[in-house]
């Protein structure tokens, strides 16, 4: 069956994403691990390096709404589901997320593919003085 065309309906008696091996974050966002990561998980005291792709109609379907590659961001600055997502991932991990309208600022469902490339300690970045752009952090 080609399940990526099916939309998420909150409150449905049967959630089709359960059948596809998707798990649920505390925010209600569904995710499926595509590639397992390794090591620990980032905390609020870390900066994450990641790739992030989004679609409005399904994974790998049609026009990408957003594409961010090799982005660095302080984890503590993220809000809501995206913060929960990164805080639960390990280095090298890649996941697909089904984000219901209730969890987005546009109030539309989105499909996101996120890969946590690495994360760095903010205290190490500050001590180094490079802004996070070197191998010593």
C-alpha atoms as a PDB file:
ATOM      1  CA  UNK A   1       0.000   0.000   0.000  1.00  0.00           C
ATOM      2  CA  UNK A   2       1.151   3.525  -0.725  1.00  0.00           C
ATOM      3  CA  UNK A   3       0.535   5.103   2.698  1.00  0.00           C
ATOM      4  CA  UNK A   4       2.362   8.403   2.223  1.00  0.00           C
ATOM      5  CA  UNK A   5      -0.740   9.888   0.541  1.00  0.00           C
ATOM      6  CA  UNK A   6      -2.874   9.377   3.648  1.00  0.00           C
ATOM      7  CA  UNK A   7      -3.319  12.413   5.866  1.00  0.00           C
ATOM      8  CA  UNK A   8      -3.218  12.516   9.670  1.00  0.00           C
ATOM      9  CA  UNK A   9      -6.652  12.937  11.254  1.00  0.00           C
ATOM     10  CA  UNK A  10      -6.496  13.776  14.975  1.00  0.00           C
ATOM     11  CA  UNK A  11      -8.900  11.725  17.048  1.00  0.00           C
ATOM     12  CA  UNK A  12      -9.277   8.968  14.470  1.00  0.00           C
ATOM     13  CA  UNK A  13     -10.000   5.540  15.959  1.00  0.00           C
ATOM     14  CA  UNK A  14      -7.125   4.045  13.960  1.00  0.00           C
ATOM     15  CA  UNK A  15      -4.058   6.099  13.197  1.00  0.00           C
ATOM     16  CA  UNK A  16      -2.568   4.940   9.876  1.00  0.00           C
ATOM     17  CA  UNK A  17       0.863   6.114  11.024  1.00  0.00           C
ATOM     18  CA  UNK A  18       0.858   3.419  13.726  1.00  0.00           C
ATOM     19  CA  UNK A  19       0.597   0.817  10.966  1.00  0.00           C
ATOM     20  CA  UNK A  20       3.637   2.278   9.219  1.00  0.00           C
ATOM     21  CA  UNK A  21       5.946   1.994  12.235  1.00  0.00           C
ATOM     22  CA  UNK A  22       5.724   5.636  13.300  1.00  0.00           C
ATOM     23  CA  UNK A  23       6.233   6.511  16.965  1.00  0.00           C
ATOM     24  CA  UNK A  24       4.828   9.533  18.796  1.00  0.00           C
ATOM     25  CA  UNK A  25       6.590  12.449  20.521  1.00  0.00           C
ATOM     26  CA  UNK A  26       4.950  14.041  23.612  1.00  0.00           C
ATOM     27  CA  UNK A  27       3.698  16.836  21.306  1.00  0.00           C
ATOM     28  CA  UNK A  28       1.694  14.322  19.249  1.00  0.00           C
ATOM     29  CA  UNK A  29       4.053  14.522  16.280  1.00  0.00           C
ATOM     30  CA  UNK A  30       4.699  11.160  14.609  1.00  0.00           C
ATOM     31  CA  UNK A  31       8.192  10.015  13.609  1.00  0.00           C
ATOM     32  CA  UNK A  32       9.911   7.072  11.993  1.00  0.00           C
ATOM     33  CA  UNK A  33      13.645   6.453  12.320  1.00  0.00           C
ATOM     34  CA  UNK A  34      15.219   6.028   8.883  1.00  0.00           C
ATOM     35  CA  UNK A  35      18.819   5.705  10.074  1.00  0.00           C
ATOM     36  CA  UNK A  36      19.834   4.999  13.684  1.00  0.00           C
ATOM     37  CA  UNK A  37      22.290   7.401  15.294  1.00  0.00           C
ATOM     38  CA  UNK A  38      25.019   6.742  17.851  1.00  0.00           C
ATOM     39  CA  UNK A  39      26.250   8.171  21.139  1.00  0.00           C
ATOM     40  CA  UNK A  40      24.431  10.559  23.440  1.00  0.00           C
ATOM     41  CA  UNK A  41      21.661  13.056  22.797  1.00  0.00           C
ATOM     42  CA  UNK A  42      21.944  16.863  22.692  1.00  0.00           C
ATOM     43  CA  UNK A  43      20.784  19.021  25.605  1.00  0.00           C
ATOM     44  CA  UNK A  44      19.826  22.680  26.002  1.00  0.00           C
ATOM     45  CA  UNK A  45      23.545  23.396  26.470  1.00  0.00           C
ATOM     46  CA  UNK A  46      24.379  22.200  22.941  1.00  0.00           C
ATOM     47  CA  UNK A  47      24.322  23.565  19.421  1.00  0.00           C
ATOM     48  CA  UNK A  48      22.976  21.180  16.757  1.00  0.00           C
ATOM     49  CA  UNK A  49      24.163  20.786  13.158  1.00  0.00           C
ATOM     50  CA  UNK A  50      21.449  19.354  10.924  1.00  0.00           C
ATOM     51  CA  UNK A  51      19.745  18.950   7.561  1.00  0.00           C
ATOM     52  CA  UNK A  52      15.992  19.615   7.394  1.00  0.00           C
ATOM     53  CA  UNK A  53      13.598  19.112   4.464  1.00  0.00           C
ATOM     54  CA  UNK A  54       9.833  19.720   4.433  1.00  0.00           C
ATOM     55  CA  UNK A  55       6.944  18.901   2.132  1.00  0.00           C
ATOM     56  CA  UNK A  56       3.251  19.775   2.351  1.00  0.00           C
ATOM     57  CA  UNK A  57       1.767  16.760   0.561  1.00  0.00           C
ATOM     58  CA  UNK A  58       3.920  13.770   1.543  1.00  0.00           C
ATOM     59  CA  UNK A  59       7.513  12.615   1.828  1.00  0.00           C
ATOM     60  CA  UNK A  60       9.537  13.136  -1.366  1.00  0.00           C
ATOM     61  CA  UNK A  61       6.388  14.279  -3.092  1.00  0.00           C
ATOM     62  CA  UNK A  62       6.224  17.300  -5.342  1.00  0.00           C
ATOM     63  CA  UNK A  63       7.708  20.649  -4.463  1.00  0.00           C
ATOM     64  CA  UNK A  64       9.739  20.926  -1.263  1.00  0.00           C
ATOM     65  CA  UNK A  65       8.390  23.680   0.942  1.00  0.00           C
ATOM     66  CA  UNK A  66      11.701  24.144   2.753  1.00  0.00           C
ATOM     67  CA  UNK A  67      15.231  22.835   2.534  1.00  0.00           C
ATOM     68  CA  UNK A  68      17.928  23.700   5.056  1.00  0.00           C
ATOM     69  CA  UNK A  69      21.351  22.052   4.828  1.00  0.00           C
ATOM     70  CA  UNK A  70      24.202  22.124   7.355  1.00  0.00           C
ATOM     71  CA  UNK A  71      22.387  24.517   9.686  1.00  0.00           C
ATOM     72  CA  UNK A  72      23.741  25.236  13.198  1.00  0.00           C
ATOM     73  CA  UNK A  73      21.325  26.283  15.901  1.00  0.00           C
ATOM     74  CA  UNK A  74      21.304  26.391  19.715  1.00  0.00           C
ATOM     75  CA  UNK A  75      18.951  23.662  20.929  1.00  0.00           C
ATOM     76  CA  UNK A  76      17.607  25.853  23.750  1.00  0.00           C
ATOM     77  CA  UNK A  77      16.254  28.331  21.162  1.00  0.00           C
ATOM     78  CA  UNK A  78      13.966  25.763  19.532  1.00  0.00           C
ATOM     79  CA  UNK A  79      10.353  25.479  20.643  1.00  0.00           C
ATOM     80  CA  UNK A  80       7.665  22.821  20.722  1.00  0.00           C
ATOM     81  CA  UNK A  81       7.916  19.657  18.621  1.00  0.00           C
ATOM     82  CA  UNK A  82      11.195  20.492  16.898  1.00  0.00           C
ATOM     83  CA  UNK A  83      12.974  20.831  20.249  1.00  0.00           C
ATOM     84  CA  UNK A  84      11.531  17.486  21.382  1.00  0.00           C
ATOM     85  CA  UNK A  85      12.659  15.935  18.098  1.00  0.00           C
ATOM     86  CA  UNK A  86      16.291  17.049  18.363  1.00  0.00           C
ATOM     87  CA  UNK A  87      16.526  16.277  22.093  1.00  0.00           C
ATOM     88  CA  UNK A  88      15.510  12.677  21.344  1.00  0.00           C
ATOM     89  CA  UNK A  89      17.945  12.092  18.435  1.00  0.00           C
ATOM     90  CA  UNK A  90      21.541  10.840  18.401  1.00  0.00           C
ATOM     91  CA  UNK A  91      24.456  11.884  16.164  1.00  0.00           C
ATOM     92  CA  UNK A  92      23.929  10.694  12.609  1.00  0.00           C
ATOM     93  CA  UNK A  93      20.264   9.859  13.162  1.00  0.00           C
ATOM     94  CA  UNK A  94      17.730  10.595  10.436  1.00  0.00           C
ATOM     95  CA  UNK A  95      13.975  10.616  10.982  1.00  0.00           C
ATOM     96  CA  UNK A  96      10.807  11.413   9.087  1.00  0.00           C
ATOM     97  CA  UNK A  97       8.156  13.399  10.951  1.00  0.00           C
ATOM     98  CA  UNK A  98       4.436  13.817  10.319  1.00  0.00           C
ATOM     99  CA  UNK A  99       3.483  17.085  11.996  1.00  0.00           C
ATOM    100  CA  UNK A 100      -0.261  17.687  12.504  1.00  0.00           C
ATOM    101  CA  UNK A 101      -1.767  21.143  11.898  1.00  0.00           C
ATOM    102  CA  UNK A 102      -2.154  21.689  15.647  1.00  0.00           C
ATOM    103  CA  UNK A 103       1.659  21.624  16.048  1.00  0.00           C
ATOM    104  CA  UNK A 104       2.611  24.067  13.264  1.00  0.00           C
ATOM    105  CA  UNK A 105       2.533  27.859  13.159  1.00  0.00           C
ATOM    106  CA  UNK A 106       0.802  27.737   9.747  1.00  0.00           C
ATOM    107  CA  UNK A 107      -1.854  25.313  11.047  1.00  0.00           C
ATOM    108  CA  UNK A 108      -1.185  22.967   8.117  1.00  0.00           C
ATOM    109  CA  UNK A 109       0.145  19.438   8.180  1.00  0.00           C
ATOM    110  CA  UNK A 110       3.795  19.081   7.191  1.00  0.00           C
ATOM    111  CA  UNK A 111       6.083  16.170   6.409  1.00  0.00           C
ATOM    112  CA  UNK A 112       9.676  16.708   7.584  1.00  0.00           C
ATOM    113  CA  UNK A 113      12.876  14.741   7.056  1.00  0.00           C
ATOM    114  CA  UNK A 114      15.525  15.708   9.638  1.00  0.00           C
ATOM    115  CA  UNK A 115      19.078  14.441  10.022  1.00  0.00           C
ATOM    116  CA  UNK A 116      21.104  15.323  13.125  1.00  0.00           C
ATOM    117  CA  UNK A 117      24.629  15.523  11.739  1.00  0.00           C
ATOM    118  CA  UNK A 118      26.357  16.467  14.990  1.00  0.00           C
ATOM    119  CA  UNK A 119      26.092  18.609  18.110  1.00  0.00           C
ATOM    120  CA  UNK A 120      28.573  20.718  20.051  1.00  0.00           C
ATOM    121  CA  UNK A 121      28.797  21.983  23.621  1.00  0.00           C
ATOM    122  CA  UNK A 122      28.005  25.713  23.809  1.00  0.00           C
ATOM    123  CA  UNK A 123      30.540  26.122  26.624  1.00  0.00           C
ATOM    124  CA  UNK A 124      33.266  24.616  24.392  1.00  0.00           C
ATOM    125  CA  UNK A 125      32.277  26.941  21.550  1.00  0.00           C
ATOM    126  CA  UNK A 126      32.438  29.971  23.857  1.00  0.00           C
ATOM    127  CA  UNK A 127      35.806  28.886  25.301  1.00  0.00           C
ATOM    128  CA  UNK A 128      37.263  28.362  21.838  1.00  0.00           C
ATOM    129  CA  UNK A 129      35.996  31.716  20.551  1.00  0.00           C
ATOM    130  CA  UNK A 130      35.473  30.425  17.013  1.00  0.00           C
ATOM    131  CA  UNK A 131      31.678  30.577  17.038  1.00  0.00           C
ATOM    132  CA  UNK A 132      31.479  26.842  16.434  1.00  0.00           C
ATOM    133  CA  UNK A 133      33.305  26.800  13.142  1.00  0.00           C
ATOM    134  CA  UNK A 134      36.351  24.661  13.939  1.00  0.00           C
ATOM    135  CA  UNK A 135      37.228  21.073  14.826  1.00  0.00           C
ATOM    136  CA  UNK A 136      38.434  21.989  18.330  1.00  0.00           C
ATOM    137  CA  UNK A 137      34.990  22.639  19.817  1.00  0.00           C
END
